[in-house]
Amino acid sequence: MDDQNRRDEAIRRIKQKREFRFHVVAYVVINAFLVALWAVLGAGYFWPGWVIAGWGIGLVLHGWQIYRGEKPISEEDIRREMGDAA
């Protein structure tokens, strides 16, 4: 991989991490608002839990994709796969 491709890939990863941080902030702010709304409306059944849980699953998957996702395909990966296919 040449320097320009490596640079482009690094920029792409930085953008993804920034988007994820924004996603986390939005999750916290909006869910805090929903919990406050629930409390103001008289508490009762904790309906914000459904939003928190559902969105939380999406947030975890988003973070997993960015921080634990698969590495780019390397030449070694290609050679190994070609050897298995032959």
N, C-alpha and C. Protein backbone atom coordinates (compact mmCIF):
# COMPACT_ATOMS: atom_id res chain seq x y z
N MET A 1 0.86 -1.17 0.00
CA MET A 1 0.00 0.00 0.00
C MET A 1 0.91 1.24 0.00
N ASP A 2 0.67 2.14 -0.93
CA ASP A 2 1.52 3.33 -1.01
C ASP A 2 1.13 4.35 0.06
N ASP A 3 1.96 5.38 0.20
CA ASP A 3 1.74 6.38 1.26
C ASP A 3 0.40 7.09 1.13
N GLN A 4 -0.02 7.40 -0.10
CA GLN A 4 -1.29 8.11 -0.27
C GLN A 4 -2.47 7.24 0.17
N ASN A 5 -2.43 5.97 -0.17
CA ASN A 5 -3.50 5.06 0.25
C ASN A 5 -3.53 4.91 1.76
N ARG A 6 -2.35 4.81 2.38
CA ARG A 6 -2.27 4.71 3.84
C ARG A 6 -2.81 5.98 4.49
N ARG A 7 -2.50 7.12 3.90
CA ARG A 7 -2.98 8.40 4.43
C ARG A 7 -4.51 8.48 4.31
N ASP A 8 -5.03 8.11 3.15
CA ASP A 8 -6.48 8.13 2.94
C ASP A 8 -7.19 7.21 3.93
N GLU A 9 -6.62 6.04 4.17
CA GLU A 9 -7.21 5.09 5.12
C GLU A 9 -7.17 5.66 6.54
N ALA A 10 -6.08 6.31 6.91
CA ALA A 10 -5.97 6.92 8.25
C ALA A 10 -7.00 8.04 8.40
N ILE A 11 -7.19 8.84 7.39
CA ILE A 11 -8.18 9.93 7.43
C ILE A 11 -9.58 9.35 7.57
N ARG A 12 -9.86 8.28 6.86
CA ARG A 12 -11.17 7.63 6.94
C ARG A 12 -11.42 7.12 8.35
N ARG A 13 -10.41 6.49 8.98
CA ARG A 13 -10.57 5.98 10.34
C ARG A 13 -10.76 7.11 11.35
N ILE A 14 -10.03 8.22 11.17
CA ILE A 14 -10.20 9.38 12.06
C ILE A 14 -11.62 9.91 11.96
N LYS A 15 -12.15 10.03 10.75
CA LYS A 15 -13.52 10.51 10.57
C LYS A 15 -14.53 9.58 11.23
N GLN A 16 -14.32 8.27 11.10
CA GLN A 16 -15.23 7.31 11.72
C GLN A 16 -15.22 7.45 13.24
N LYS A 17 -14.04 7.64 13.82
CA LYS A 17 -13.94 7.78 15.27
C LYS A 17 -14.61 9.07 15.75
N ARG A 18 -14.47 10.14 14.98
CA ARG A 18 -15.14 11.39 15.34
C ARG A 18 -16.65 11.24 15.27
N GLU A 19 -17.13 10.57 14.24
CA GLU A 19 -18.57 10.33 14.11
C GLU A 19 -19.09 9.48 15.27
N PHE A 20 -18.29 8.51 15.69
CA PHE A 20 -18.70 7.67 16.81
C PHE A 20 -18.79 8.49 18.10
N ARG A 21 -17.82 9.36 18.34
CA ARG A 21 -17.87 10.21 19.53
C ARG A 21 -19.11 11.09 19.52
N PHE A 22 -19.47 11.63 18.36
CA PHE A 22 -20.71 12.41 18.24
C PHE A 22 -21.92 11.54 18.57
N HIS A 23 -21.91 10.30 18.08
CA HIS A 23 -23.00 9.36 18.33
C HIS A 23 -23.15 9.11 19.83
N VAL A 24 -22.03 8.95 20.55
CA VAL A 24 -22.08 8.74 21.99
C VAL A 24 -22.68 9.95 22.70
N VAL A 25 -22.24 11.16 22.31
CA VAL A 25 -22.76 12.38 22.93
C VAL A 25 -24.26 12.51 22.68
N ALA A 26 -24.70 12.26 21.46
CA ALA A 26 -26.12 12.32 21.14
C ALA A 26 -26.90 11.30 21.96
N TYR A 27 -26.36 10.11 22.12
CA TYR A 27 -27.00 9.05 22.91
C TYR A 27 -27.21 9.52 24.35
N VAL A 28 -26.16 10.07 24.95
CA VAL A 28 -26.25 10.49 26.35
C VAL A 28 -27.23 11.65 26.50
N VAL A 29 -27.11 12.67 25.65
CA VAL A 29 -27.95 13.87 25.79
C VAL A 29 -29.43 13.53 25.56
N ILE A 30 -29.73 12.83 24.49
CA ILE A 30 -31.13 12.54 24.17
C ILE A 30 -31.75 11.60 25.20
N ASN A 31 -31.00 10.59 25.63
CA ASN A 31 -31.56 9.68 26.62
C ASN A 31 -31.70 10.33 27.99
N ALA A 32 -30.81 11.25 28.33
CA ALA A 32 -30.98 12.01 29.58
C ALA A 32 -32.25 12.84 29.51
N PHE A 33 -32.51 13.44 28.35
CA PHE A 33 -33.74 14.20 28.16
C PHE A 33 -34.97 13.29 28.32
N LEU A 34 -34.91 12.11 27.74
CA LEU A 34 -36.06 11.19 27.84
C LEU A 34 -36.30 10.75 29.28
N VAL A 35 -35.22 10.51 30.03
CA VAL A 35 -35.37 10.12 31.43
C VAL A 35 -35.95 11.29 32.23
N ALA A 36 -35.48 12.51 31.95
CA ALA A 36 -36.02 13.69 32.64
C ALA A 36 -37.50 13.86 32.29
N LEU A 37 -37.86 13.67 31.04
CA LEU A 37 -39.25 13.76 30.62
C LEU A 37 -40.10 12.72 31.34
N TRP A 38 -39.60 11.51 31.42
CA TRP A 38 -40.29 10.43 32.14
C TRP A 38 -40.53 10.83 33.60
N ALA A 39 -39.50 11.40 34.23
CA ALA A 39 -39.62 11.81 35.64
C ALA A 39 -40.64 12.93 35.81
N VAL A 40 -40.64 13.90 34.90
CA VAL A 40 -41.56 15.03 34.98
C VAL A 40 -43.01 14.58 34.76
N LEU A 41 -43.18 13.59 33.91
CA LEU A 41 -44.53 13.12 33.60
C LEU A 41 -45.07 12.14 34.64
N GLY A 42 -44.35 11.98 35.74
CA GLY A 42 -44.88 11.17 36.83
C GLY A 42 -44.25 9.82 37.01
N ALA A 43 -43.12 9.60 36.40
CA ALA A 43 -42.39 8.34 36.55
C ALA A 43 -43.25 7.18 36.06
N GLY A 44 -43.60 6.25 36.91
CA GLY A 44 -44.37 5.09 36.46
C GLY A 44 -43.50 4.12 35.70
N TYR A 45 -44.09 3.45 34.71
CA TYR A 45 -43.35 2.48 33.91
C TYR A 45 -42.17 3.16 33.23
N PHE A 46 -40.99 2.56 33.33
CA PHE A 46 -39.78 3.18 32.79
C PHE A 46 -39.65 2.91 31.28
N TRP A 47 -40.46 3.61 30.50
CA TRP A 47 -40.45 3.45 29.04
C TRP A 47 -39.17 3.91 28.37
N PRO A 48 -38.39 4.88 28.92
CA PRO A 48 -37.13 5.23 28.25
C PRO A 48 -36.14 4.07 28.18
N GLY A 49 -36.35 3.06 29.02
CA GLY A 49 -35.47 1.89 28.99
C GLY A 49 -35.45 1.21 27.64
N TRP A 50 -36.59 1.22 26.95
CA TRP A 50 -36.65 0.62 25.62
C TRP A 50 -35.78 1.37 24.62
N VAL A 51 -35.83 2.68 24.69
CA VAL A 51 -35.00 3.50 23.79
C VAL A 51 -33.53 3.33 24.14
N ILE A 52 -33.24 3.40 25.43
CA ILE A 52 -31.85 3.28 25.89
C ILE A 52 -31.27 1.93 25.47
N ALA A 53 -32.02 0.86 25.66
CA ALA A 53 -31.54 -0.48 25.31
C ALA A 53 -31.38 -0.65 23.80
N GLY A 54 -32.39 -0.26 23.05
CA GLY A 54 -32.34 -0.42 21.60
C GLY A 54 -31.23 0.39 20.96
N TRP A 55 -31.17 1.65 21.33
CA TRP A 55 -30.14 2.52 20.77
C TRP A 55 -28.77 2.09 21.29
N GLY A 56 -28.72 1.61 22.53
CA GLY A 56 -27.46 1.15 23.11
C GLY A 56 -26.87 -0.01 22.33
N ILE A 57 -27.72 -0.92 21.88
CA ILE A 57 -27.25 -2.03 21.05
C ILE A 57 -26.61 -1.50 19.77
N GLY A 58 -27.28 -0.55 19.14
CA GLY A 58 -26.72 0.06 17.93
C GLY A 58 -25.41 0.77 18.19
N LEU A 59 -25.32 1.44 19.33
CA LEU A 59 -24.10 2.16 19.69
C LEU A 59 -22.95 1.18 19.92
N VAL A 60 -23.22 0.09 20.60
CA VAL A 60 -22.17 -0.92 20.83
C VAL A 60 -21.70 -1.50 19.51
N LEU A 61 -22.62 -1.82 18.63
CA LEU A 61 -22.24 -2.37 17.32
C LEU A 61 -21.43 -1.36 16.51
N HIS A 62 -21.81 -0.10 16.58
CA HIS A 62 -21.08 0.96 15.88
C HIS A 62 -19.65 1.04 16.43
N GLY A 63 -19.50 1.04 17.75
CA GLY A 63 -18.17 1.08 18.35
C GLY A 63 -17.35 -0.14 18.02
N TRP A 64 -18.00 -1.30 18.02
CA TRP A 64 -17.30 -2.54 17.69
C TRP A 64 -16.75 -2.48 16.27
N GLN A 65 -17.56 -1.98 15.35
CA GLN A 65 -17.14 -1.87 13.96
C GLN A 65 -15.91 -0.98 13.82
N ILE A 66 -15.87 0.10 14.56
CA ILE A 66 -14.79 1.06 14.42
C ILE A 66 -13.53 0.61 15.15
N TYR A 67 -13.68 0.16 16.39
CA TYR A 67 -12.51 -0.13 17.21
C TYR A 67 -12.07 -1.58 17.17
N ARG A 68 -12.94 -2.49 16.78
CA ARG A 68 -12.58 -3.90 16.72
C ARG A 68 -12.89 -4.52 15.36
N GLY A 69 -13.21 -3.69 14.39
CA GLY A 69 -13.58 -4.21 13.07
C GLY A 69 -12.42 -4.93 12.41
N GLU A 70 -12.72 -5.56 11.31
CA GLU A 70 -11.69 -6.29 10.59
C GLU A 70 -10.64 -5.36 10.04
N LYS A 71 -9.42 -5.88 10.00
CA LYS A 71 -8.32 -5.13 9.41
C LYS A 71 -8.47 -5.13 7.89
N PRO A 72 -7.85 -4.16 7.22
CA PRO A 72 -7.88 -4.19 5.75
C PRO A 72 -7.26 -5.48 5.23
N ILE A 73 -7.70 -5.91 4.08
CA ILE A 73 -7.18 -7.14 3.48
C ILE A 73 -5.73 -6.91 3.07
N SER A 74 -4.86 -7.82 3.49
CA SER A 74 -3.44 -7.70 3.17
C SER A 74 -3.09 -8.69 2.06
N GLU A 75 -1.92 -8.51 1.49
CA GLU A 75 -1.44 -9.44 0.46
C GLU A 75 -1.27 -10.83 1.05
N GLU A 76 -0.86 -10.90 2.31
CA GLU A 76 -0.71 -12.20 2.97
C GLU A 76 -2.06 -12.90 3.07
N ASP A 77 -3.11 -12.15 3.40
CA ASP A 77 -4.46 -12.72 3.46
C ASP A 77 -4.85 -13.29 2.10
N ILE A 78 -4.57 -12.55 1.05
CA ILE A 78 -4.92 -12.99 -0.31
C ILE A 78 -4.16 -14.25 -0.68
N ARG A 79 -2.84 -14.26 -0.41
CA ARG A 79 -2.04 -15.46 -0.73
C ARG A 79 -2.51 -16.68 0.05
N ARG A 80 -2.82 -16.49 1.33
CA ARG A 80 -3.30 -17.59 2.16
C ARG A 80 -4.63 -18.13 1.60
N GLU A 81 -5.54 -17.23 1.23
CA GLU A 81 -6.84 -17.65 0.69
C GLU A 81 -6.68 -18.36 -0.64
N MET A 82 -5.79 -17.86 -1.48
CA MET A 82 -5.56 -18.49 -2.77
C MET A 82 -4.97 -19.88 -2.60
N GLY A 83 -4.13 -20.06 -1.59
CA GLY A 83 -3.56 -21.37 -1.31
C GLY A 83 -4.61 -22.35 -0.85
N ASP A 84 -5.58 -21.86 -0.06
CA ASP A 84 -6.65 -22.72 0.42
C ASP A 84 -7.60 -23.12 -0.70
N ALA A 85 -7.76 -22.23 -1.67
CA ALA A 85 -8.72 -22.47 -2.76
C ALA A 85 -8.14 -23.42 -3.80
N ALA A 86 -6.83 -23.53 -3.87
CA ALA A 86 -6.20 -24.35 -4.92
C ALA A 86 -6.26 -25.82 -4.62
